[in-house]
Amino acid sequence: MKAASGMVVSMHYTLTDDAGEVLDTSQGRGPFDYLHGHGNIIPGLESRLEGAEPGFKDKVTVAPADGYGERNDQAVFDVPRDQFPPDEEIRVGMQVHGEGPQGVIAFTVVDVAEDSIRLDGNHPLAGKTLHFDVEILDIRAASEEEIAHGHVHGPHGHHH
């Protein structure tokens, strides 16, 4: 079988940045399964895996535009401290969540002042070139339920 829309792809990957620092890996956790053609992984990686078969191994470089996008300086802004619960400890680097037009949005705290909190709405990997070392282990047809839900169910996927 080949990686194509509606197929469940099981793979190992290691993600590094330009400096070679490991940002994420499936090694030691078991394979990562995703539903090909349903936006479960970044577009640049998914397009490179299109048509691949079990046993495929490659190093894939993904530009920011095909990964998590370019950084948007307008997504960094200050929020008055009184918008947060008074007893909540806010630290640089922590994630906070807010409600947006498409649902919940994650923000990273980048600065804490006495009267305001600076938040960054960019994905932490926005603006970065990503380097994936991938190996496809298995490919199977997705179930009707997986297709309907738009993600993998089962041992390495999402459960309801």
Protein backbone atom coordinates (compact mmCIF):
# COMPACT_ATOMS: atom_id res chain seq x y z
CA MET A 1 0.00 0.00 0.00
CA LYS A 2 1.05 3.58 -0.57
CA ALA A 3 0.51 6.74 1.47
CA ALA A 4 -2.56 8.39 -0.03
CA SER A 5 -5.69 10.13 1.17
CA GLY A 6 -7.69 7.86 3.45
CA MET A 7 -4.74 5.69 4.45
CA VAL A 8 -3.35 5.37 7.98
CA VAL A 9 0.42 5.79 7.93
CA SER A 10 2.49 4.46 10.83
CA MET A 11 5.96 5.94 11.09
CA HIS A 12 8.90 6.81 13.25
CA TYR A 13 10.28 10.31 13.03
CA THR A 14 12.84 12.59 14.59
CA LEU A 15 12.38 16.34 14.18
CA THR A 16 15.40 18.65 14.44
CA ASP A 17 16.02 22.35 13.89
CA ASP A 18 18.75 23.98 11.76
CA ALA A 19 21.28 23.50 14.58
CA GLY A 20 20.52 19.76 14.74
CA GLU A 21 18.79 20.00 18.11
CA VAL A 22 16.10 17.33 18.54
CA LEU A 23 12.73 19.04 18.97
CA ASP A 24 10.55 15.92 18.98
CA THR A 25 10.82 12.21 18.24
CA SER A 26 8.68 9.11 18.24
CA GLN A 27 11.68 6.98 19.21
CA GLY A 28 11.12 5.36 22.59
CA ARG A 29 7.38 6.08 22.45
CA GLY A 30 6.26 3.79 19.67
CA PRO A 31 5.26 4.75 16.15
CA PHE A 32 3.22 7.81 15.25
CA ASP A 33 0.07 7.11 13.23
CA TYR A 34 -1.75 9.71 11.17
CA LEU A 35 -4.58 9.82 8.61
CA HIS A 36 -3.02 10.87 5.33
CA GLY A 37 -4.78 13.64 3.41
CA HIS A 38 -6.71 14.96 6.41
CA GLY A 39 -4.39 17.68 7.72
CA ASN A 40 -3.12 15.59 10.64
CA ILE A 41 0.51 16.56 9.94
CA ILE A 42 2.12 19.66 8.46
CA PRO A 43 1.62 20.07 4.70
CA GLY A 44 5.29 19.97 3.72
CA LEU A 45 5.86 16.60 5.36
CA GLU A 46 2.59 15.12 4.15
CA SER A 47 3.26 16.09 0.54
CA ARG A 48 6.72 14.47 0.68
CA LEU A 49 5.22 11.24 2.04
CA GLU A 50 2.52 11.07 -0.67
CA GLY A 51 2.93 7.78 -2.54
CA ALA A 52 5.56 6.39 -0.15
CA GLU A 53 5.44 2.73 0.90
CA PRO A 54 6.42 0.82 4.05
CA GLY A 55 10.21 0.76 4.33
CA PHE A 56 10.51 4.33 2.96
CA LYS A 57 13.23 6.26 4.79
CA ASP A 58 14.20 9.86 4.07
CA LYS A 59 15.36 13.14 5.49
CA VAL A 60 12.73 15.78 4.72
CA THR A 61 13.35 19.52 5.06
CA VAL A 62 10.21 21.64 5.46
CA ALA A 63 10.29 25.42 4.99
CA PRO A 64 8.26 27.56 7.43
CA ALA A 65 5.55 28.25 4.83
CA ASP A 66 4.90 24.49 4.53
CA GLY A 67 5.28 23.87 8.28
CA TYR A 68 3.89 26.10 11.01
CA GLY A 69 4.04 29.31 8.96
CA GLU A 70 6.14 32.42 9.22
CA ARG A 71 6.27 34.31 12.51
CA ASN A 72 3.66 37.04 12.78
CA ASP A 73 4.85 39.94 14.94
CA GLN A 74 1.24 41.11 15.31
CA ALA A 75 0.48 37.88 17.20
CA VAL A 76 2.63 39.17 20.11
CA PHE A 77 0.69 41.52 22.40
CA ASP A 78 0.22 42.69 25.98
CA VAL A 79 -2.77 41.77 28.12
CA PRO A 80 -3.59 43.58 31.37
CA ARG A 81 -2.63 41.48 34.41
CA ASP A 82 -6.14 41.82 35.79
CA GLN A 83 -7.42 39.65 32.89
CA PHE A 84 -5.87 36.66 34.70
CA PRO A 85 -7.01 35.19 38.02
CA PRO A 86 -5.30 37.13 40.84
CA ASP A 87 -3.90 34.01 42.51
CA GLU A 88 -2.55 32.43 39.29
CA GLU A 89 1.24 32.34 39.05
CA ILE A 90 2.17 33.46 35.53
CA ARG A 91 5.68 32.47 34.36
CA VAL A 92 7.61 33.07 31.15
CA GLY A 93 7.36 30.02 28.91
CA MET A 94 4.05 28.72 30.23
CA GLN A 95 1.08 28.17 27.93
CA VAL A 96 -2.22 29.93 28.49
CA HIS A 97 -5.40 29.53 26.48
CA GLY A 98 -7.96 31.94 25.18
CA GLU A 99 -11.10 31.76 23.09
CA GLY A 100 -10.93 32.81 19.43
CA PRO A 101 -13.29 32.74 16.44
CA GLN A 102 -12.28 29.15 15.59
CA GLY A 103 -12.17 27.92 19.19
CA VAL A 104 -9.43 27.64 21.81
CA ILE A 105 -6.09 29.33 21.01
CA ALA A 106 -2.81 28.60 22.82
CA PHE A 107 -0.48 31.46 23.72
CA THR A 108 3.02 31.38 25.17
CA VAL A 109 3.88 33.83 27.96
CA VAL A 110 6.99 35.72 26.80
CA ASP A 111 7.18 38.45 29.46
CA VAL A 112 5.60 39.19 32.83
CA ALA A 113 5.38 42.76 34.12
CA GLU A 114 3.61 44.01 37.21
CA ASP A 115 0.59 45.30 35.29
CA SER A 116 0.67 43.28 32.05
CA ILE A 117 1.48 39.92 30.52
CA ARG A 118 3.03 39.69 27.02
CA LEU A 119 1.63 36.76 25.02
CA ASP A 120 2.81 35.20 21.76
CA GLY A 121 0.13 33.56 19.62
CA ASN A 122 2.61 32.12 17.11
CA HIS A 123 3.14 28.38 17.11
CA PRO A 124 6.48 27.70 18.88
CA LEU A 125 7.88 26.33 15.59
CA ALA A 126 6.61 29.20 13.41
CA GLY A 127 9.37 30.70 11.27
CA LYS A 128 11.61 27.64 11.68
CA THR A 129 12.89 25.31 8.99
CA LEU A 130 12.12 21.79 10.16
CA HIS A 131 14.19 18.69 9.46
CA PHE A 132 12.47 15.31 9.71
CA ASP A 133 14.18 11.95 9.62
CA VAL A 134 11.27 9.61 8.80
CA GLU A 135 10.72 5.90 8.36
CA ILE A 136 7.36 4.50 7.27
CA LEU A 137 6.63 1.26 9.10
CA ASP A 138 3.16 0.36 7.91
CA ILE A 139 0.21 1.65 5.88
CA ARG A 140 -3.38 0.47 6.09
CA ALA A 141 -6.77 1.61 4.85
CA ALA A 142 -8.58 3.81 7.35
CA SER A 143 -11.89 2.67 8.79
CA GLU A 144 -15.11 4.50 7.90
CA GLU A 145 -15.19 5.89 11.43
CA GLU A 146 -11.60 7.21 11.15
CA ILE A 147 -12.46 8.90 7.83
CA ALA A 148 -15.63 10.40 9.33
CA HIS A 149 -13.74 11.70 12.38
CA GLY A 150 -10.70 12.84 10.38
CA HIS A 151 -8.12 11.10 12.58
CA VAL A 152 -6.73 7.68 13.52
CA HIS A 153 -8.30 5.45 16.16
CA GLY A 154 -6.59 2.44 17.64
CA PRO A 155 -3.33 1.60 19.40
CA HIS A 156 -1.31 4.62 18.25
CA GLY A 157 -4.11 7.03 17.47
CA HIS A 158 -6.93 8.92 19.14
CA HIS A 159 -9.57 7.13 21.20
CA HIS A 160 -13.09 8.36 21.96
